[in-house]
Amino acid sequence: MSNPNQISIEQGQSLITNFHSDPKFADQPNAISFNKNVFNELLNQPDAQALNFYFGKNINGSIALVIIAMDSNKNEISNKIMDIGGKIPPDNVNYSPFIIQNKSE
């Protein structure tokens, strides 16, 4: 059985291109990177079943993600909340089909 959340590379590229084509988001990073220990730490909490990602805005105006685990009753587990992932500029990844080169063009 396939995962209903899984999308194709082409669908991912389209979503990302649509985002970066919007002038409101032209100065935003290509992606935000988190090491797997962030997810492990959140998901290793008792009864953690899912992660919620909230969009935020840093003081400098760039997008931020706030990540919090959710239990089996759909309650957020506020013992640990993560943020401040690494911003990914186009030259910081060896290969990705999702990096938009020359976003301003």
Protein backbone atom coordinates (compact mmCIF):
# COMPACT_ATOMS: atom_id res chain seq x y z
CA MET A 1 0.00 0.00 0.00
CA SER A 2 1.49 3.31 -0.96
CA ASN A 3 1.62 6.33 1.31
CA PRO A 4 -1.21 8.77 0.45
CA ASN A 5 1.11 11.67 1.31
CA GLN A 6 3.73 10.64 -1.24
CA ILE A 7 3.95 12.79 -4.36
CA SER A 8 6.05 12.58 -7.50
CA ILE A 9 9.18 14.62 -8.10
CA GLU A 10 7.25 16.53 -10.76
CA GLN A 11 4.47 17.41 -8.31
CA GLY A 12 7.07 18.54 -5.77
CA GLN A 13 8.83 20.64 -8.39
CA SER A 14 5.54 22.24 -9.37
CA LEU A 15 4.63 23.13 -5.78
CA ILE A 16 8.06 24.63 -5.13
CA THR A 17 8.14 26.51 -8.43
CA ASN A 18 4.69 27.96 -7.70
CA PHE A 19 5.89 29.16 -4.30
CA HIS A 20 9.07 30.78 -5.60
CA SER A 21 7.29 32.30 -8.61
CA ASP A 22 5.20 34.41 -6.24
CA PRO A 23 6.98 37.77 -5.77
CA LYS A 24 5.99 37.76 -2.07
CA PHE A 25 8.31 34.80 -1.52
CA ALA A 26 11.18 35.68 -3.88
CA ASP A 27 13.61 36.40 -1.03
CA GLN A 28 12.80 33.27 0.96
CA PRO A 29 15.17 30.31 1.29
CA ASN A 30 14.80 27.33 -1.02
CA ALA A 31 14.26 25.04 1.94
CA ILE A 32 14.80 24.64 5.67
CA SER A 33 16.88 21.67 6.73
CA PHE A 34 16.68 19.76 10.00
CA ASN A 35 18.91 16.85 11.04
CA LYS A 36 17.10 13.61 11.75
CA ASN A 37 17.88 13.94 15.47
CA VAL A 38 15.33 16.79 15.61
CA PHE A 39 12.59 14.47 14.34
CA ASN A 40 13.78 11.55 16.46
CA GLU A 41 13.77 13.70 19.58
CA LEU A 42 10.23 14.87 18.92
CA LEU A 43 8.87 11.47 17.86
CA ASN A 44 10.57 9.60 20.73
CA GLN A 45 8.37 11.39 23.26
CA PRO A 46 5.74 9.14 24.88
CA ASP A 47 2.77 8.55 22.51
CA ALA A 48 4.12 10.89 19.82
CA GLN A 49 2.38 9.90 16.58
CA ALA A 50 2.82 12.83 14.21
CA LEU A 51 4.50 16.18 13.72
CA ASN A 52 2.83 19.52 13.16
CA PHE A 53 4.74 22.17 11.22
CA TYR A 54 3.75 25.77 11.84
CA PHE A 55 4.91 28.58 9.58
CA GLY A 56 6.47 31.51 11.37
CA LYS A 57 8.40 34.61 10.44
CA ASN A 58 11.83 35.54 11.75
CA ILE A 59 12.68 39.10 12.75
CA ASN A 60 14.47 39.50 9.40
CA GLY A 61 11.27 38.52 7.55
CA SER A 62 12.36 35.05 6.45
CA ILE A 63 10.11 32.05 6.88
CA ALA A 64 10.64 29.84 9.91
CA LEU A 65 9.18 26.47 10.83
CA VAL A 66 8.09 25.56 14.34
CA ILE A 67 7.76 21.80 14.82
CA ILE A 68 5.80 20.11 17.60
CA ALA A 69 4.79 16.48 18.15
CA MET A 70 1.18 15.35 18.37
CA ASP A 71 -0.09 12.35 20.39
CA SER A 72 -2.66 9.69 19.44
CA ASN A 73 -5.48 11.90 20.77
CA LYS A 74 -4.38 14.72 18.45
CA ASN A 75 -3.07 16.80 21.34
CA GLU A 76 0.21 18.59 20.85
CA ILE A 77 3.03 17.54 23.15
CA SER A 78 4.61 20.77 24.31
CA ASN A 79 7.56 19.25 26.21
CA LYS A 80 9.84 19.91 23.24
CA ILE A 81 9.28 22.36 20.43
CA MET A 82 11.82 22.75 17.65
CA ASP A 83 12.63 25.63 15.35
CA ILE A 84 15.62 27.28 13.67
CA GLY A 85 16.40 24.79 10.94
CA GLY A 86 19.24 25.52 8.58
CA LYS A 87 18.32 27.67 5.59
CA ILE A 88 19.33 26.09 2.29
CA PRO A 89 20.63 28.39 -0.44
CA PRO A 90 21.01 26.84 -3.92
CA ASP A 91 24.77 26.34 -3.52
CA ASN A 92 24.49 24.42 -0.21
CA VAL A 93 23.14 21.13 -1.64
CA ASN A 94 25.10 18.80 -3.91
CA TYR A 95 21.97 17.66 -5.76
CA SER A 96 18.26 18.27 -5.43
CA PRO A 97 15.56 18.24 -8.09
CA PHE A 98 13.81 20.87 -6.00
CA ILE A 99 16.39 23.65 -5.81
CA ILE A 100 15.19 26.59 -7.86
CA GLN A 101 18.17 28.22 -9.52
CA ASN A 102 17.92 31.90 -10.42
CA LYS A 103 14.65 32.39 -8.53
CA SER A 104 14.46 36.05 -9.49
CA GLU A 105 14.45 35.35 -13.22
